[in-house]
């Protein structure tokens, strides 16, 4: 499973290629590259959210005191 930083780096590369394609007059190709970069950024955000540990809940006291 790829990590979030790796996915972000791939997205940056796709955006760089999209800028170059746009400069070269390849608007459709640039659009597809930009869409893929957006997907990678969203995937990176999901991976980052999944890997963030949830805070542990404090144990609740049992009813009745337990003595």
PDB file of N, CA and C in Angstrom:
ATOM      1  N   UNK A   1       0.848  -1.175   0.000  1.00  0.00           N
ATOM      2  CA  UNK A   1       0.000   0.000   0.000  1.00  0.00           C
ATOM      3  C   UNK A   1       0.893   1.238   0.000  1.00  0.00           C
ATOM      4  N   UNK A   2       0.674   2.156  -0.922  1.00  0.00           N
ATOM      5  CA  UNK A   2       1.516   3.354  -0.990  1.00  0.00           C
ATOM      6  C   UNK A   2       1.269   4.270   0.205  1.00  0.00           C
ATOM      7  N   UNK A   3       2.302   5.025   0.574  1.00  0.00           N
ATOM      8  CA  UNK A   3       2.123   5.966   1.670  1.00  0.00           C
ATOM      9  C   UNK A   3       1.665   7.321   1.122  1.00  0.00           C
ATOM     10  N   UNK A   4       1.171   8.158   2.012  1.00  0.00           N
ATOM     11  CA  UNK A   4       0.590   9.443   1.613  1.00  0.00           C
ATOM     12  C   UNK A   4       1.629  10.339   0.940  1.00  0.00           C
ATOM     13  N   UNK A   5       2.856  10.364   1.462  1.00  0.00           N
ATOM     14  CA  UNK A   5       3.885  11.218   0.866  1.00  0.00           C
ATOM     15  C   UNK A   5       4.217  10.765  -0.552  1.00  0.00           C
ATOM     16  N   UNK A   6       4.288   9.476  -0.763  1.00  0.00           N
ATOM     17  CA  UNK A   6       4.560   8.958  -2.105  1.00  0.00           C
ATOM     18  C   UNK A   6       3.462   9.328  -3.084  1.00  0.00           C
ATOM     19  N   UNK A   7       2.229   9.255  -2.633  1.00  0.00           N
ATOM     20  CA  UNK A   7       1.105   9.627  -3.499  1.00  0.00           C
ATOM     21  C   UNK A   7       1.138  11.114  -3.826  1.00  0.00           C
ATOM     22  N   UNK A   8       1.489  11.931  -2.841  1.00  0.00           N
ATOM     23  CA  UNK A   8       1.588  13.379  -3.092  1.00  0.00           C
ATOM     24  C   UNK A   8       2.694  13.683  -4.102  1.00  0.00           C
ATOM     25  N   UNK A   9       3.819  12.987  -3.987  1.00  0.00           N
ATOM     26  CA  UNK A   9       4.915  13.197  -4.942  1.00  0.00           C
ATOM     27  C   UNK A   9       4.486  12.821  -6.355  1.00  0.00           C
ATOM     28  N   UNK A  10       3.756  11.723  -6.477  1.00  0.00           N
ATOM     29  CA  UNK A  10       3.247  11.335  -7.796  1.00  0.00           C
ATOM     30  C   UNK A  10       2.301  12.400  -8.344  1.00  0.00           C
ATOM     31  N   UNK A  11       1.454  12.948  -7.476  1.00  0.00           N
ATOM     32  CA  UNK A  11       0.517  13.991  -7.902  1.00  0.00           C
ATOM     33  C   UNK A  11       1.278  15.222  -8.394  1.00  0.00           C
ATOM     34  N   UNK A  12       2.353  15.571  -7.708  1.00  0.00           N
ATOM     35  CA  UNK A  12       3.161  16.721  -8.127  1.00  0.00           C
ATOM     36  C   UNK A  12       3.743  16.477  -9.513  1.00  0.00           C
ATOM     37  N   UNK A  13       4.218  15.256  -9.750  1.00  0.00           N
ATOM     38  CA  UNK A  13       4.775  14.930 -11.067  1.00  0.00           C
ATOM     39  C   UNK A  13       3.710  15.016 -12.151  1.00  0.00           C
ATOM     40  N   UNK A  14       2.522  14.522 -11.841  1.00  0.00           N
ATOM     41  CA  UNK A  14       1.424  14.605 -12.814  1.00  0.00           C
ATOM     42  C   UNK A  14       1.080  16.061 -13.114  1.00  0.00           C
ATOM     43  N   UNK A  15       1.079  16.898 -12.090  1.00  0.00           N
ATOM     44  CA  UNK A  15       0.776  18.318 -12.323  1.00  0.00           C
ATOM     45  C   UNK A  15       1.856  18.982 -13.167  1.00  0.00           C
ATOM     46  N   UNK A  16       3.108  18.629 -12.921  1.00  0.00           N
ATOM     47  CA  UNK A  16       4.196  19.184 -13.734  1.00  0.00           C
ATOM     48  C   UNK A  16       4.026  18.774 -15.192  1.00  0.00           C
ATOM     49  N   UNK A  17       3.669  17.506 -15.417  1.00  0.00           N
ATOM     50  CA  UNK A  17       3.440  17.053 -16.789  1.00  0.00           C
ATOM     51  C   UNK A  17       2.234  17.761 -17.397  1.00  0.00           C
ATOM     52  N   UNK A  18       1.217  18.038 -16.572  1.00  0.00           N
ATOM     53  CA  UNK A  18       0.030  18.738 -17.064  1.00  0.00           C
ATOM     54  C   UNK A  18       0.379  20.161 -17.492  1.00  0.00           C
ATOM     55  N   UNK A  19       1.205  20.839 -16.703  1.00  0.00           N
ATOM     56  CA  UNK A  19       1.625  22.192 -17.083  1.00  0.00           C
ATOM     57  C   UNK A  19       2.379  22.177 -18.405  1.00  0.00           C
ATOM     58  N   UNK A  20       3.267  21.206 -18.565  1.00  0.00           N
ATOM     59  CA  UNK A  20       4.040  21.085 -19.800  1.00  0.00           C
ATOM     60  C   UNK A  20       3.114  20.784 -20.977  1.00  0.00           C
ATOM     61  N   UNK A  21       2.169  19.877 -20.777  1.00  0.00           N
ATOM     62  CA  UNK A  21       1.229  19.540 -21.843  1.00  0.00           C
ATOM     63  C   UNK A  21       0.410  20.769 -22.232  1.00  0.00           C
ATOM     64  N   UNK A  22       0.021  21.551 -21.243  1.00  0.00           N
ATOM     65  CA  UNK A  22      -0.758  22.767 -21.514  1.00  0.00           C
ATOM     66  C   UNK A  22       0.068  23.754 -22.339  1.00  0.00           C
ATOM     67  N   UNK A  23       1.350  23.907 -21.962  1.00  0.00           N
ATOM     68  CA  UNK A  23       2.237  24.794 -22.721  1.00  0.00           C
ATOM     69  C   UNK A  23       2.393  24.326 -24.169  1.00  0.00           C
ATOM     70  N   UNK A  24       2.387  23.017 -24.345  1.00  0.00           N
ATOM     71  CA  UNK A  24       2.557  22.434 -25.682  1.00  0.00           C
ATOM     72  C   UNK A  24       1.257  22.411 -26.479  1.00  0.00           C
ATOM     73  N   UNK A  25       0.189  22.949 -25.918  1.00  0.00           N
ATOM     74  CA  UNK A  25      -1.080  23.013 -26.626  1.00  0.00           C
ATOM     75  C   UNK A  25      -1.911  21.744 -26.552  1.00  0.00           C
ATOM     76  N   UNK A  26      -1.586  20.863 -25.627  1.00  0.00           N
ATOM     77  CA  UNK A  26      -2.318  19.601 -25.475  1.00  0.00           C
ATOM     78  C   UNK A  26      -3.289  19.705 -24.294  1.00  0.00           C
ATOM     79  N   UNK A  27      -4.329  20.481 -24.480  1.00  0.00           N
ATOM     80  CA  UNK A  27      -5.267  20.781 -23.399  1.00  0.00           C
ATOM     81  C   UNK A  27      -5.982  19.534 -22.873  1.00  0.00           C
ATOM     82  N   UNK A  28      -6.391  18.631 -23.750  1.00  0.00           N
ATOM     83  CA  UNK A  28      -7.094  17.426 -23.302  1.00  0.00           C
ATOM     84  C   UNK A  28      -6.200  16.541 -22.441  1.00  0.00           C
ATOM     85  N   UNK A  29      -4.957  16.365 -22.890  1.00  0.00           N
ATOM     86  CA  UNK A  29      -4.011  15.562 -22.128  1.00  0.00           C
ATOM     87  C   UNK A  29      -3.725  16.228 -20.778  1.00  0.00           C
ATOM     88  N   UNK A  30      -3.580  17.545 -20.779  1.00  0.00           N
ATOM     89  CA  UNK A  30      -3.347  18.283 -19.541  1.00  0.00           C
ATOM     90  C   UNK A  30      -4.513  18.103 -18.568  1.00  0.00           C
ATOM     91  N   UNK A  31      -5.719  18.115 -19.101  1.00  0.00           N
ATOM     92  CA  UNK A  31      -6.898  17.930 -18.257  1.00  0.00           C
ATOM     93  C   UNK A  31      -6.909  16.542 -17.620  1.00  0.00           C
ATOM     94  N   UNK A  32      -6.591  15.514 -18.406  1.00  0.00           N
ATOM     95  CA  UNK A  32      -6.560  14.149 -17.865  1.00  0.00           C
ATOM     96  C   UNK A  32      -5.486  14.000 -16.796  1.00  0.00           C
ATOM     97  N   UNK A  33      -4.316  14.611 -17.034  1.00  0.00           N
ATOM     98  CA  UNK A  33      -3.248  14.548 -16.041  1.00  0.00           C
ATOM     99  C   UNK A  33      -3.649  15.254 -14.749  1.00  0.00           C
ATOM    100  N   UNK A  34      -4.313  16.391 -14.885  1.00  0.00           N
ATOM    101  CA  UNK A  34      -4.759  17.142 -13.716  1.00  0.00           C
ATOM    102  C   UNK A  34      -5.808  16.351 -12.932  1.00  0.00           C
ATOM    103  N   UNK A  35      -6.712  15.701 -13.646  1.00  0.00           N
ATOM    104  CA  UNK A  35      -7.724  14.874 -12.975  1.00  0.00           C
ATOM    105  C   UNK A  35      -7.063  13.733 -12.203  1.00  0.00           C
ATOM    106  N   UNK A  36      -6.057  13.106 -12.814  1.00  0.00           N
ATOM    107  CA  UNK A  36      -5.352  12.008 -12.132  1.00  0.00           C
ATOM    108  C   UNK A  36      -4.609  12.534 -10.906  1.00  0.00           C
ATOM    109  N   UNK A  37      -4.000  13.703 -11.026  1.00  0.00           N
ATOM    110  CA  UNK A  37      -3.302  14.301  -9.884  1.00  0.00           C
ATOM    111  C   UNK A  37      -4.282  14.565  -8.745  1.00  0.00           C
ATOM    112  N   UNK A  38      -5.471  15.031  -9.083  1.00  0.00           N
ATOM    113  CA  UNK A  38      -6.492  15.277  -8.065  1.00  0.00           C
ATOM    114  C   UNK A  38      -6.885  13.979  -7.371  1.00  0.00           C
ATOM    115  N   UNK A  39      -7.041  12.912  -8.137  1.00  0.00           N
ATOM    116  CA  UNK A  39      -7.366  11.606  -7.550  1.00  0.00           C
ATOM    117  C   UNK A  39      -6.263  11.149  -6.591  1.00  0.00           C
ATOM    118  N   UNK A  40      -5.009  11.343  -6.995  1.00  0.00           N
ATOM    119  CA  UNK A  40      -3.893  10.949  -6.138  1.00  0.00           C
ATOM    120  C   UNK A  40      -3.861  11.750  -4.849  1.00  0.00           C
ATOM    121  N   UNK A  41      -4.157  13.039  -4.931  1.00  0.00           N
ATOM    122  CA  UNK A  41      -4.183  13.884  -3.734  1.00  0.00           C
ATOM    123  C   UNK A  41      -5.292  13.434  -2.792  1.00  0.00           C
ATOM    124  N   UNK A  42      -6.453  13.108  -3.356  1.00  0.00           N
ATOM    125  CA  UNK A  42      -7.556  12.612  -2.527  1.00  0.00           C
ATOM    126  C   UNK A  42      -7.194  11.277  -1.879  1.00  0.00           C
ATOM    127  N   UNK A  43      -6.548  10.409  -2.643  1.00  0.00           N
ATOM    128  CA  UNK A  43      -6.126   9.115  -2.105  1.00  0.00           C
ATOM    129  C   UNK A  43      -5.098   9.307  -0.988  1.00  0.00           C
ATOM    130  N   UNK A  44      -4.200  10.261  -1.171  1.00  0.00           N
ATOM    131  CA  UNK A  44      -3.200  10.553  -0.141  1.00  0.00           C
ATOM    132  C   UNK A  44      -3.877  11.036   1.142  1.00  0.00           C
ATOM    133  N   UNK A  45      -4.896  11.864   0.985  1.00  0.00           N
ATOM    134  CA  UNK A  45      -5.621  12.354   2.159  1.00  0.00           C
ATOM    135  C   UNK A  45      -6.314  11.198   2.875  1.00  0.00           C
ATOM    136  N   UNK A  46      -6.888  10.270   2.124  1.00  0.00           N
ATOM    137  CA  UNK A  46      -7.542   9.113   2.734  1.00  0.00           C
ATOM    138  C   UNK A  46      -6.541   8.229   3.457  1.00  0.00           C
ATOM    139  N   UNK A  47      -5.383   8.014   2.838  1.00  0.00           N
ATOM    140  CA  UNK A  47      -4.354   7.197   3.472  1.00  0.00           C
ATOM    141  C   UNK A  47      -3.876   7.871   4.754  1.00  0.00           C
ATOM    142  N   UNK A  48      -3.674   9.184   4.699  1.00  0.00           N
ATOM    143  CA  UNK A  48      -3.209   9.916   5.873  1.00  0.00           C
ATOM    144  C   UNK A  48      -4.250   9.851   6.996  1.00  0.00           C
ATOM    145  N   UNK A  49      -5.529   9.946   6.629  1.00  0.00           N
ATOM    146  CA  UNK A  49      -6.593   9.889   7.643  1.00  0.00           C
ATOM    147  C   UNK A  49      -6.691   8.508   8.267  1.00  0.00           C
ATOM    148  N   UNK A  50      -6.470   7.477   7.481  1.00  0.00           N
ATOM    149  CA  UNK A  50      -6.559   6.108   7.989  1.00  0.00           C
ATOM    150  C   UNK A  50      -5.391   5.762   8.891  1.00  0.00           C
ATOM    151  N   UNK A  51      -4.245   6.365   8.639  1.00  0.00           N
ATOM    152  CA  UNK A  51      -3.067   6.035   9.428  1.00  0.00           C
ATOM    153  C   UNK A  51      -2.948   6.866  10.692  1.00  0.00           C
ATOM    154  N   UNK A  52      -3.811   7.859  10.841  1.00  0.00           N
ATOM    155  CA  UNK A  52      -3.792   8.683  12.050  1.00  0.00           C
ATOM    156  C   UNK A  52      -4.486   7.923  13.163  1.00  0.00           C
ATOM    157  N   UNK A  53      -3.776   7.650  14.256  1.00  0.00           N
ATOM    158  CA  UNK A  53      -4.420   6.900  15.344  1.00  0.00           C
ATOM    159  C   UNK A  53      -5.517   7.720  16.012  1.00  0.00           C
ATOM    160  N   UNK A  54      -6.585   7.024  16.331  1.00  0.00           N
ATOM    161  CA  UNK A  54      -7.679   7.687  17.028  1.00  0.00           C
ATOM    162  C   UNK A  54      -7.315   7.802  18.502  1.00  0.00           C
ATOM    163  N   UNK A  55      -7.732   8.893  19.144  1.00  0.00           N
ATOM    164  CA  UNK A  55      -7.436   9.018  20.578  1.00  0.00           C
ATOM    165  C   UNK A  55      -8.154   7.924  21.358  1.00  0.00           C
ATOM    166  N   UNK A  56      -7.458   7.430  22.358  1.00  0.00           N
ATOM    167  CA  UNK A  56      -8.056   6.371  23.172  1.00  0.00           C
ATOM    168  C   UNK A  56      -9.077   6.979  24.121  1.00  0.00           C
ATOM    169  N   UNK A  57     -10.190   6.280  24.264  1.00  0.00           N
ATOM    170  CA  UNK A  57     -11.228   6.730  25.189  1.00  0.00           C
ATOM    171  C   UNK A  57     -10.809   6.367  26.605  1.00  0.00           C
ATOM    172  N   UNK A  58     -11.077   7.276  27.514  1.00  0.00           N
ATOM    173  CA  UNK A  58     -10.748   6.974  28.913  1.00  0.00           C
ATOM    174  C   UNK A  58     -11.749   5.941  29.427  1.00  0.00           C
ATOM    175  N   UNK A  59     -11.286   5.019  30.246  1.00  0.00           N
ATOM    176  CA  UNK A  59     -12.204   3.995  30.757  1.00  0.00           C
ATOM    177  C   UNK A  59     -13.264   4.628  31.646  1.00  0.00           C
ATOM    178  N   UNK A  60     -14.471   4.182  31.438  1.00  0.00           N
ATOM    179  CA  UNK A  60     -15.571   4.707  32.243  1.00  0.00           C
ATOM    180  C   UNK A  60     -15.672   3.891  33.530  1.00  0.00           C
ATOM    181  N   UNK A  61     -15.951   4.556  34.629  1.00  0.00           N
ATOM    182  CA  UNK A  61     -16.093   3.806  35.891  1.00  0.00           C
ATOM    183  C   UNK A  61     -17.303   2.884  35.828  1.00  0.00           C
ATOM    184  N   UNK A  62     -17.137   1.730  36.423  1.00  0.00           N
ATOM    185  CA  UNK A  62     -18.249   0.783  36.415  1.00  0.00           C
ATOM    186  C   UNK A  62     -19.304   1.229  37.428  1.00  0.00           C
ATOM    187  N   UNK A  63     -20.570   0.982  37.093  1.00  0.00           N
ATOM    188  CA  UNK A  63     -21.646   1.379  38.021  1.00  0.00           C
ATOM    189  C   UNK A  63     -21.554   0.554  39.304  1.00  0.00           C
ATOM    190  N   UNK A  64     -21.837   1.195  40.411  1.00  0.00           N
ATOM    191  CA  UNK A  64     -21.875   0.483  41.688  1.00  0.00           C
ATOM    192  C   UNK A  64     -20.578   0.593  42.477  1.00  0.00           C
ATOM    193  N   UNK A  65     -19.546   1.224  41.918  1.00  0.00           N
ATOM    194  CA  UNK A  65     -18.333   1.436  42.684  1.00  0.00           C
ATOM    195  C   UNK A  65     -17.373   0.267  42.691  1.00  0.00           C
ATOM    196  N   UNK A  66     -17.785  -0.971  42.556  1.00  0.00           N
ATOM    197  CA  UNK A  66     -16.937  -2.132  42.459  1.00  0.00           C
ATOM    198  C   UNK A  66     -16.192  -2.496  43.705  1.00  0.00           C
ATOM    199  N   UNK A  67     -16.585  -2.046  44.923  1.00  0.00           N
ATOM    200  CA  UNK A  67     -15.894  -2.427  46.158  1.00  0.00           C
ATOM    201  C   UNK A  67     -16.333  -3.724  46.664  1.00  0.00           C
TER     202      UNK A  67
END
